[in-house]
Amino acid sequence: MKKAYLLLVLCFITFCAQGQLGFGPEIGLGMSTFKTSPPTNPILYTSSSVSSILAGKVGFLIDVPLSKHLYFQSGVYVSRRGAERSFSYHFNDSFNEQVHQSMHINYFDVPIGVVFKKGLQGRGRIMAGISGQPSLIIGGRTMLDDKQVFAGIDSNTKAYGKIESEKTLRGFDIALLVTLGYEAATGLFVRAWYSNGVNDLGIGSEIIKNRTWGLSAGYIFGKGRNINKDVDDLIDKTK
């Protein structure tokens, strides 16, 4: 993670000096869920299901030309991901338990990757990208609704708590991030994204991996991003 931060800073300094750096805000909304495998000990689940929750992100990106059509892209984002889970246990004939849990997890993300842009800079163009996305948990909330039946007597308990790194979930995540969108001549862009977590966040024998998809919009400032600028100010002068 430290290497990712260092690379981002070095790229920012280098291309600012060259005057070729694009930069700007991005905000998005989507849905998030988990790919899970229930724990195998100390007690087996008798049932398990997962459903999606609302996800989102906000942050700042840098967009650096490597060639006429290939760009290095990175940034820093704060995002929310998670899921709702339902599972049940069968301890014995007189003791059963059903649990519903919602998890809203806050992350600090640093995607690092490349974006291919079909058209020329200063004109509208389709873009597609692929990135690796390291992430750190920076907080969140969880709600647990626990229903028990013991010796024929029902009980129901609700509990609220904080998401704690290395206690609730493992603190570091990394995902494969793919995007597809359109960048207007002015620098305004929209894109769809899908991220597939490859790191296991589960504690113990349980396996939890993030899955997120959504739409985002942003604006890229910088040299050559505005079609109304003089031709000599464009990075790509080819017509």
Protein backbone atom coordinates (compact mmCIF):
# COMPACT_ATOMS: atom_id res chain seq x y z
CA MET A 1 0.00 0.00 0.00
CA LYS A 2 2.86 2.40 0.80
CA LYS A 3 4.37 1.68 -2.63
CA ALA A 4 1.03 2.60 -4.24
CA TYR A 5 1.00 5.96 -2.45
CA LEU A 6 4.61 6.66 -3.44
CA LEU A 7 3.94 5.83 -7.10
CA LEU A 8 0.90 8.11 -7.12
CA VAL A 9 2.86 11.05 -5.66
CA LEU A 10 5.80 10.59 -8.06
CA CYS A 11 3.51 10.48 -11.10
CA PHE A 12 1.65 13.57 -9.89
CA ILE A 13 4.88 15.57 -9.46
CA THR A 14 6.41 14.44 -12.76
CA PHE A 15 3.45 15.18 -14.98
CA CYS A 16 2.53 18.42 -13.21
CA ALA A 17 6.02 19.60 -14.13
CA GLN A 18 5.43 18.61 -17.76
CA GLY A 19 2.03 20.32 -17.84
CA GLN A 20 0.33 17.18 -19.18
CA LEU A 21 -1.59 16.05 -16.12
CA GLY A 22 -5.36 15.74 -16.15
CA PHE A 23 -7.06 15.81 -12.76
CA GLY A 24 -10.48 16.19 -11.26
CA PRO A 25 -13.30 14.92 -9.02
CA GLU A 26 -15.39 11.78 -9.44
CA ILE A 27 -18.52 10.65 -7.60
CA GLY A 28 -20.55 7.48 -8.06
CA LEU A 29 -23.40 5.33 -6.79
CA GLY A 30 -23.99 1.61 -7.16
CA MET A 31 -24.68 -1.66 -5.40
CA SER A 32 -22.44 -3.88 -3.32
CA THR A 33 -22.59 -7.47 -2.12
CA PHE A 34 -20.39 -10.29 -0.82
CA LYS A 35 -19.31 -13.55 -2.31
CA THR A 36 -19.22 -15.77 0.77
CA SER A 37 -18.46 -19.24 1.99
CA PRO A 38 -19.83 -19.96 5.49
CA PRO A 39 -17.46 -20.99 8.27
CA THR A 40 -16.86 -24.70 8.79
CA ASN A 41 -16.16 -24.41 12.51
CA PRO A 42 -16.96 -24.32 15.34
CA ILE A 43 -20.60 -24.69 14.18
CA LEU A 44 -21.94 -25.33 10.68
CA TYR A 45 -24.56 -23.04 9.11
CA THR A 46 -27.89 -24.66 8.30
CA SER A 47 -28.70 -21.86 5.81
CA SER A 48 -26.99 -18.78 4.39
CA SER A 49 -27.95 -15.99 1.95
CA VAL A 50 -26.57 -12.60 0.90
CA SER A 51 -28.27 -9.51 -0.59
CA SER A 52 -26.97 -6.20 -1.96
CA ILE A 53 -26.86 -2.77 -0.35
CA LEU A 54 -26.40 0.74 -1.75
CA ALA A 55 -22.74 1.59 -2.39
CA GLY A 56 -20.96 4.77 -3.36
CA LYS A 57 -17.65 6.54 -3.77
CA VAL A 58 -16.23 10.04 -3.98
CA GLY A 59 -12.69 11.09 -4.73
CA PHE A 60 -10.07 12.71 -6.89
CA LEU A 61 -8.34 11.20 -9.94
CA ILE A 62 -5.27 11.89 -12.04
CA ASP A 63 -5.20 11.12 -15.76
CA VAL A 64 -1.76 10.96 -17.42
CA PRO A 65 -1.18 10.45 -21.18
CA LEU A 66 1.24 7.63 -22.01
CA SER A 67 0.44 7.83 -25.75
CA LYS A 68 -2.32 9.25 -27.97
CA HIS A 69 -4.82 6.71 -26.75
CA LEU A 70 -3.36 5.09 -23.61
CA TYR A 71 -3.51 6.84 -20.22
CA PHE A 72 -2.24 6.02 -16.76
CA GLN A 73 -5.01 6.66 -14.27
CA SER A 74 -5.00 6.65 -10.48
CA GLY A 75 -6.47 8.60 -7.59
CA VAL A 76 -7.68 8.56 -4.01
CA TYR A 77 -11.27 7.74 -3.04
CA VAL A 78 -13.44 7.21 0.01
CA SER A 79 -16.07 4.55 -0.65
CA ARG A 80 -18.78 2.53 1.08
CA ARG A 81 -19.33 -1.16 0.37
CA GLY A 82 -20.88 -4.10 2.18
CA ALA A 83 -23.90 -6.42 2.14
CA GLU A 84 -26.80 -7.85 4.12
CA ARG A 85 -26.48 -11.45 5.29
CA SER A 86 -28.90 -13.98 6.78
CA PHE A 87 -27.78 -17.27 8.28
CA SER A 88 -28.94 -19.85 10.81
CA TYR A 89 -27.43 -22.44 13.15
CA HIS A 90 -28.77 -25.70 14.53
CA PHE A 91 -27.01 -26.42 17.80
CA ASN A 92 -29.29 -29.26 18.91
CA ASP A 93 -32.98 -30.19 18.94
CA SER A 94 -33.77 -27.61 21.63
CA PHE A 95 -31.49 -24.74 20.51
CA ASN A 96 -31.74 -22.94 17.12
CA GLU A 97 -30.58 -19.49 16.07
CA GLN A 98 -31.31 -17.19 13.10
CA VAL A 99 -29.23 -14.08 12.39
CA HIS A 100 -29.70 -11.13 10.02
CA GLN A 101 -26.69 -8.84 9.68
CA SER A 102 -26.14 -5.64 7.68
CA MET A 103 -22.60 -4.38 7.14
CA HIS A 104 -21.79 -0.89 5.81
CA ILE A 105 -18.02 -0.67 5.41
CA ASN A 106 -16.02 2.48 4.70
CA TYR A 107 -12.84 2.20 2.62
CA PHE A 108 -9.92 4.31 1.47
CA ASP A 109 -9.17 3.26 -2.14
CA VAL A 110 -6.16 3.88 -4.41
CA PRO A 111 -6.91 2.42 -7.88
CA ILE A 112 -3.88 2.13 -10.16
CA GLY A 113 -4.30 1.19 -13.82
CA VAL A 114 -4.55 2.16 -17.47
CA VAL A 115 -7.39 3.56 -19.60
CA PHE A 116 -7.72 3.26 -23.37
CA LYS A 117 -9.47 6.21 -25.05
CA LYS A 118 -10.51 5.59 -28.64
CA GLY A 119 -10.79 9.17 -29.92
CA LEU A 120 -8.38 12.09 -29.73
CA GLN A 121 -7.89 14.42 -26.81
CA GLY A 122 -10.01 17.55 -27.05
CA ARG A 123 -12.86 15.54 -28.63
CA GLY A 124 -15.53 13.22 -27.30
CA ARG A 125 -14.35 9.63 -26.98
CA ILE A 126 -15.20 6.21 -25.60
CA MET A 127 -12.90 4.91 -22.87
CA ALA A 128 -12.30 1.55 -21.19
CA GLY A 129 -9.97 0.81 -18.30
CA ILE A 130 -8.59 -1.88 -16.02
CA SER A 131 -6.99 -1.31 -12.62
CA GLY A 132 -5.83 -2.94 -9.45
CA GLN A 133 -7.49 -1.33 -6.44
CA PRO A 134 -5.81 -1.63 -3.00
CA SER A 135 -8.13 -0.58 -0.15
CA LEU A 136 -8.00 -0.07 3.60
CA ILE A 137 -11.00 -0.28 5.95
CA ILE A 138 -11.43 3.08 7.74
CA GLY A 139 -14.63 2.33 9.65
CA GLY A 140 -18.29 1.54 9.17
CA ARG A 141 -21.32 0.21 11.01
CA THR A 142 -22.89 -3.20 11.51
CA MET A 143 -26.35 -4.21 12.74
CA LEU A 144 -27.12 -7.69 14.08
CA ASP A 145 -30.66 -9.02 14.54
CA ASP A 146 -30.38 -12.32 16.46
CA LYS A 147 -33.39 -14.61 16.97
CA GLN A 148 -33.03 -17.69 19.19
CA VAL A 149 -35.27 -20.56 20.14
CA PHE A 150 -34.10 -22.35 23.26
CA ALA A 151 -36.19 -25.07 24.92
CA GLY A 152 -39.27 -23.77 23.10
CA ILE A 153 -38.75 -20.15 24.28
CA ASP A 154 -38.20 -17.39 21.69
CA SER A 155 -35.86 -14.43 22.23
CA ASN A 156 -34.82 -11.57 19.96
CA THR A 157 -31.73 -9.33 20.35
CA LYS A 158 -30.61 -6.37 18.24
CA ALA A 159 -27.08 -5.04 18.46
CA TYR A 160 -25.27 -2.18 16.72
CA GLY A 161 -21.51 -1.87 16.47
CA LYS A 162 -18.54 -0.47 14.60
CA ILE A 163 -16.62 -2.17 11.82
CA GLU A 164 -13.15 -2.78 13.25
CA SER A 165 -10.15 -3.73 11.14
CA GLU A 166 -8.80 -7.23 11.94
CA LYS A 167 -11.70 -7.83 14.35
CA THR A 168 -14.89 -7.60 12.31
CA LEU A 169 -13.09 -8.07 8.97
CA ARG A 170 -9.55 -8.13 7.69
CA GLY A 171 -8.36 -4.56 7.19
CA PHE A 172 -6.78 -4.77 3.72
CA ASP A 173 -8.57 -5.53 0.47
CA ILE A 174 -7.50 -5.59 -3.16
CA ALA A 175 -9.81 -5.80 -6.16
CA LEU A 176 -9.77 -5.97 -9.93
CA LEU A 177 -11.57 -2.86 -11.24
CA VAL A 178 -12.90 -2.54 -14.81
CA THR A 179 -14.58 0.54 -16.27
CA LEU A 180 -16.37 1.56 -19.48
CA GLY A 181 -17.56 5.06 -20.28
CA TYR A 182 -17.53 8.24 -22.34
CA GLU A 183 -15.43 11.38 -21.98
CA ALA A 184 -16.79 14.58 -23.57
CA ALA A 185 -14.58 17.17 -25.24
CA THR A 186 -14.97 19.47 -22.25
CA GLY A 187 -13.57 16.89 -19.83
CA LEU A 188 -16.92 15.80 -18.37
CA PHE A 189 -17.17 12.00 -18.22
CA VAL A 190 -19.51 9.21 -17.17
CA ARG A 191 -18.60 5.56 -16.72
CA ALA A 192 -19.80 2.25 -15.36
CA TRP A 193 -17.57 0.24 -13.06
CA TYR A 194 -17.34 -3.27 -11.66
CA SER A 195 -14.92 -4.33 -8.93
CA ASN A 196 -14.21 -7.92 -7.98
CA GLY A 197 -12.44 -8.35 -4.65
CA VAL A 198 -9.72 -11.00 -4.67
CA ASN A 199 -8.65 -10.73 -1.03
CA ASP A 200 -10.45 -12.79 1.63
CA LEU A 201 -11.84 -10.46 4.32
CA GLY A 202 -13.25 -13.21 6.52
CA ILE A 203 -12.06 -13.86 10.05
CA GLY A 204 -11.44 -17.50 10.90
CA SER A 205 -12.70 -20.08 8.39
CA GLU A 206 -15.38 -17.84 6.84
CA ILE A 207 -14.62 -16.48 3.34
CA ILE A 208 -15.87 -12.99 2.37
CA LYS A 209 -15.03 -11.15 -0.86
CA ASN A 210 -16.42 -7.82 -2.08
CA ARG A 211 -18.39 -7.38 -5.30
CA THR A 212 -19.41 -3.84 -6.39
CA TRP A 213 -20.89 -2.24 -9.51
CA GLY A 214 -22.26 1.17 -10.35
CA LEU A 215 -22.17 4.43 -12.34
CA SER A 216 -20.04 7.49 -11.73
CA ALA A 217 -19.52 10.96 -13.19
CA GLY A 218 -16.66 13.41 -13.00
CA TYR A 219 -14.70 16.16 -14.66
CA ILE A 220 -11.10 16.10 -15.88
CA PHE A 221 -9.30 19.44 -15.81
CA GLY A 222 -5.92 20.03 -17.40
CA LYS A 223 -4.09 20.90 -20.57
CA GLY A 224 -5.93 19.87 -23.72
CA ARG A 225 -9.14 18.91 -21.90
CA ASN A 226 -11.17 21.81 -23.32
CA ILE A 227 -11.93 21.80 -27.06
CA ASN A 228 -12.24 25.61 -27.02
CA LYS A 229 -8.55 26.05 -26.20
CA ASP A 230 -6.09 26.95 -28.92
CA VAL A 231 -4.85 24.00 -30.98
CA ASP A 232 -1.30 24.65 -29.78
CA ASP A 233 -2.43 23.97 -26.21
CA LEU A 234 -3.68 20.49 -27.05
CA ILE A 235 -1.53 17.53 -26.12
CA ASP A 236 -2.71 15.69 -29.21
CA LYS A 237 -2.59 17.95 -32.30
CA THR A 238 -3.43 15.18 -34.79
CA LYS A 239 -6.69 15.59 -36.65
